[in-house]
N, C-alpha and C. Protein backbone atom coordinates (compact mmCIF):
# COMPACT_ATOMS: atom_id res chain seq x y z
N MET A 1 -32.43 -127.57 -74.35
CA MET A 1 -33.32 -126.66 -73.66
C MET A 1 -33.15 -125.26 -74.28
N ASN A 2 -34.24 -124.54 -74.41
CA ASN A 2 -34.18 -123.17 -74.93
C ASN A 2 -33.36 -122.29 -73.99
N GLN A 3 -32.86 -121.19 -74.51
CA GLN A 3 -32.09 -120.26 -73.68
C GLN A 3 -32.96 -119.55 -72.66
N LEU A 4 -34.24 -119.36 -72.96
CA LEU A 4 -35.17 -118.72 -72.03
C LEU A 4 -36.32 -119.66 -71.70
N ALA A 5 -36.76 -119.62 -70.46
CA ALA A 5 -37.90 -120.44 -70.03
C ALA A 5 -38.82 -119.59 -69.17
N SER A 6 -40.11 -119.84 -69.29
CA SER A 6 -41.10 -119.15 -68.46
C SER A 6 -41.40 -120.01 -67.25
N LYS A 7 -41.48 -119.36 -66.11
CA LYS A 7 -41.78 -120.06 -64.86
C LYS A 7 -42.72 -119.17 -64.06
N TYR A 8 -43.78 -119.75 -63.50
CA TYR A 8 -44.68 -118.99 -62.63
C TYR A 8 -44.21 -119.14 -61.19
N ILE A 9 -44.13 -118.00 -60.50
CA ILE A 9 -43.74 -118.02 -59.09
C ILE A 9 -44.81 -117.31 -58.27
N THR A 10 -44.78 -117.55 -56.97
CA THR A 10 -45.69 -116.90 -56.04
C THR A 10 -44.91 -115.90 -55.21
N CYS A 11 -45.39 -114.67 -55.17
CA CYS A 11 -44.73 -113.63 -54.39
C CYS A 11 -44.80 -113.99 -52.90
N PRO A 12 -43.66 -113.96 -52.20
CA PRO A 12 -43.68 -114.28 -50.77
C PRO A 12 -44.33 -113.19 -49.91
N TYR A 13 -44.59 -112.03 -50.48
CA TYR A 13 -45.22 -110.93 -49.74
C TYR A 13 -46.74 -110.93 -49.91
N CYS A 14 -47.20 -110.82 -51.17
CA CYS A 14 -48.64 -110.66 -51.41
C CYS A 14 -49.34 -111.96 -51.81
N GLY A 15 -48.58 -113.00 -52.14
CA GLY A 15 -49.17 -114.30 -52.48
C GLY A 15 -49.68 -114.42 -53.91
N GLU A 16 -49.49 -113.40 -54.72
CA GLU A 16 -49.96 -113.45 -56.12
C GLU A 16 -48.95 -114.20 -56.99
N ASN A 17 -49.48 -114.87 -58.02
CA ASN A 17 -48.65 -115.57 -58.99
C ASN A 17 -48.36 -114.66 -60.16
N PHE A 18 -47.14 -114.74 -60.68
CA PHE A 18 -46.80 -114.02 -61.91
C PHE A 18 -45.71 -114.77 -62.65
N GLU A 19 -45.59 -114.45 -63.93
CA GLU A 19 -44.65 -115.16 -64.79
C GLU A 19 -43.26 -114.52 -64.73
N LEU A 20 -42.26 -115.37 -64.67
CA LEU A 20 -40.87 -114.95 -64.63
C LEU A 20 -40.17 -115.60 -65.83
N VAL A 21 -39.34 -114.85 -66.52
CA VAL A 21 -38.57 -115.41 -67.63
C VAL A 21 -37.15 -115.65 -67.12
N VAL A 22 -36.68 -116.90 -67.27
CA VAL A 22 -35.39 -117.32 -66.74
C VAL A 22 -34.42 -117.56 -67.88
N ASP A 23 -33.19 -117.07 -67.73
CA ASP A 23 -32.11 -117.33 -68.68
C ASP A 23 -31.51 -118.69 -68.33
N CYS A 24 -31.74 -119.68 -69.19
CA CYS A 24 -31.32 -121.06 -68.91
C CYS A 24 -29.85 -121.32 -69.26
N SER A 25 -29.15 -120.35 -69.78
CA SER A 25 -27.75 -120.54 -70.11
C SER A 25 -26.85 -120.45 -68.88
N ILE A 26 -27.42 -120.02 -67.75
CA ILE A 26 -26.67 -119.90 -66.49
C ILE A 26 -27.24 -120.94 -65.51
N PRO A 27 -26.46 -121.94 -65.11
CA PRO A 27 -27.00 -123.03 -64.28
C PRO A 27 -27.44 -122.63 -62.87
N GLU A 28 -26.74 -121.68 -62.24
CA GLU A 28 -27.12 -121.22 -60.90
C GLU A 28 -27.09 -119.70 -60.88
N GLN A 29 -28.20 -119.11 -60.41
CA GLN A 29 -28.31 -117.65 -60.40
C GLN A 29 -28.98 -117.20 -59.11
N GLU A 30 -28.61 -116.02 -58.66
CA GLU A 30 -29.32 -115.36 -57.57
C GLU A 30 -29.45 -113.89 -57.95
N TYR A 31 -30.66 -113.40 -57.92
CA TYR A 31 -30.89 -111.99 -58.24
C TYR A 31 -32.19 -111.53 -57.62
N ILE A 32 -32.42 -110.22 -57.68
CA ILE A 32 -33.62 -109.61 -57.10
C ILE A 32 -34.51 -109.11 -58.23
N GLU A 33 -35.78 -109.44 -58.14
CA GLU A 33 -36.77 -108.95 -59.10
C GLU A 33 -37.99 -108.47 -58.32
N ASP A 34 -38.55 -107.36 -58.74
CA ASP A 34 -39.73 -106.83 -58.06
C ASP A 34 -40.98 -107.61 -58.46
N CYS A 35 -41.88 -107.81 -57.50
CA CYS A 35 -43.17 -108.43 -57.77
C CYS A 35 -43.95 -107.55 -58.73
N GLU A 36 -44.57 -108.17 -59.73
CA GLU A 36 -45.37 -107.42 -60.70
C GLU A 36 -46.65 -106.86 -60.09
N VAL A 37 -47.07 -107.38 -58.93
CA VAL A 37 -48.32 -106.96 -58.31
C VAL A 37 -48.07 -105.93 -57.20
N CYS A 38 -47.25 -106.27 -56.22
CA CYS A 38 -47.05 -105.37 -55.08
C CYS A 38 -45.74 -104.57 -55.14
N CYS A 39 -44.90 -104.87 -56.12
CA CYS A 39 -43.64 -104.14 -56.37
C CYS A 39 -42.58 -104.31 -55.29
N ARG A 40 -42.73 -105.28 -54.39
CA ARG A 40 -41.71 -105.49 -53.37
C ARG A 40 -40.59 -106.37 -53.95
N PRO A 41 -39.36 -106.19 -53.48
CA PRO A 41 -38.22 -106.94 -54.03
C PRO A 41 -38.21 -108.40 -53.54
N ILE A 42 -38.06 -109.31 -54.48
CA ILE A 42 -38.03 -110.74 -54.18
C ILE A 42 -36.63 -111.27 -54.50
N ASN A 43 -36.01 -111.95 -53.53
CA ASN A 43 -34.74 -112.63 -53.78
C ASN A 43 -35.05 -113.94 -54.50
N LEU A 44 -34.43 -114.14 -55.65
CA LEU A 44 -34.68 -115.34 -56.43
C LEU A 44 -33.41 -116.18 -56.51
N SER A 45 -33.54 -117.45 -56.16
CA SER A 45 -32.48 -118.43 -56.38
C SER A 45 -32.97 -119.34 -57.49
N VAL A 46 -32.21 -119.40 -58.58
CA VAL A 46 -32.63 -120.13 -59.77
C VAL A 46 -31.60 -121.21 -60.08
N TYR A 47 -32.09 -122.43 -60.32
CA TYR A 47 -31.23 -123.56 -60.66
C TYR A 47 -31.74 -124.19 -61.95
N VAL A 48 -30.82 -124.39 -62.91
CA VAL A 48 -31.17 -124.99 -64.19
C VAL A 48 -30.30 -126.22 -64.37
N ASN A 49 -30.94 -127.38 -64.56
CA ASN A 49 -30.20 -128.59 -64.87
C ASN A 49 -31.05 -129.48 -65.77
N ASP A 50 -30.43 -129.95 -66.85
CA ASP A 50 -31.08 -130.75 -67.89
C ASP A 50 -32.34 -130.04 -68.39
N GLN A 51 -33.48 -130.62 -68.17
CA GLN A 51 -34.74 -130.05 -68.66
C GLN A 51 -35.55 -129.38 -67.54
N LYS A 52 -34.94 -129.15 -66.39
CA LYS A 52 -35.70 -128.64 -65.25
C LYS A 52 -35.19 -127.28 -64.79
N VAL A 53 -36.11 -126.37 -64.55
CA VAL A 53 -35.81 -125.04 -63.99
C VAL A 53 -36.51 -124.95 -62.65
N THR A 54 -35.75 -124.67 -61.59
CA THR A 54 -36.30 -124.54 -60.25
C THR A 54 -36.04 -123.13 -59.75
N VAL A 55 -37.09 -122.48 -59.24
CA VAL A 55 -36.96 -121.11 -58.73
C VAL A 55 -37.46 -121.08 -57.29
N TYR A 56 -36.64 -120.51 -56.41
CA TYR A 56 -37.00 -120.34 -55.01
C TYR A 56 -37.13 -118.85 -54.72
N PRO A 57 -38.37 -118.35 -54.59
CA PRO A 57 -38.57 -116.93 -54.24
C PRO A 57 -38.54 -116.76 -52.72
N LYS A 58 -37.83 -115.73 -52.25
CA LYS A 58 -37.71 -115.48 -50.81
C LYS A 58 -37.90 -113.99 -50.53
N HIS A 59 -38.22 -113.70 -49.26
CA HIS A 59 -38.29 -112.30 -48.81
C HIS A 59 -36.94 -111.64 -49.01
N GLU A 60 -36.94 -110.34 -49.07
CA GLU A 60 -35.72 -109.57 -49.31
C GLU A 60 -34.62 -109.87 -48.29
N ASN A 61 -34.99 -110.09 -47.04
CA ASN A 61 -34.00 -110.28 -45.96
C ASN A 61 -33.71 -111.74 -45.62
N GLU A 62 -34.19 -112.65 -46.42
CA GLU A 62 -33.93 -114.08 -46.15
C GLU A 62 -32.60 -114.49 -46.73
């Protein structure tokens, strides 16, 4: 698997889709990234295993 992967997510605030670039060298990650549309902070839980990247976007306080 490449070190970086593109994944589209849906903002839990405004509902817009945007592209997220994930570092696949780290199997489990949690970090905050601002929505490209509404600029609100999104908590991201990212899991990488084999050929699959899973991203769970959540509200800031979840």
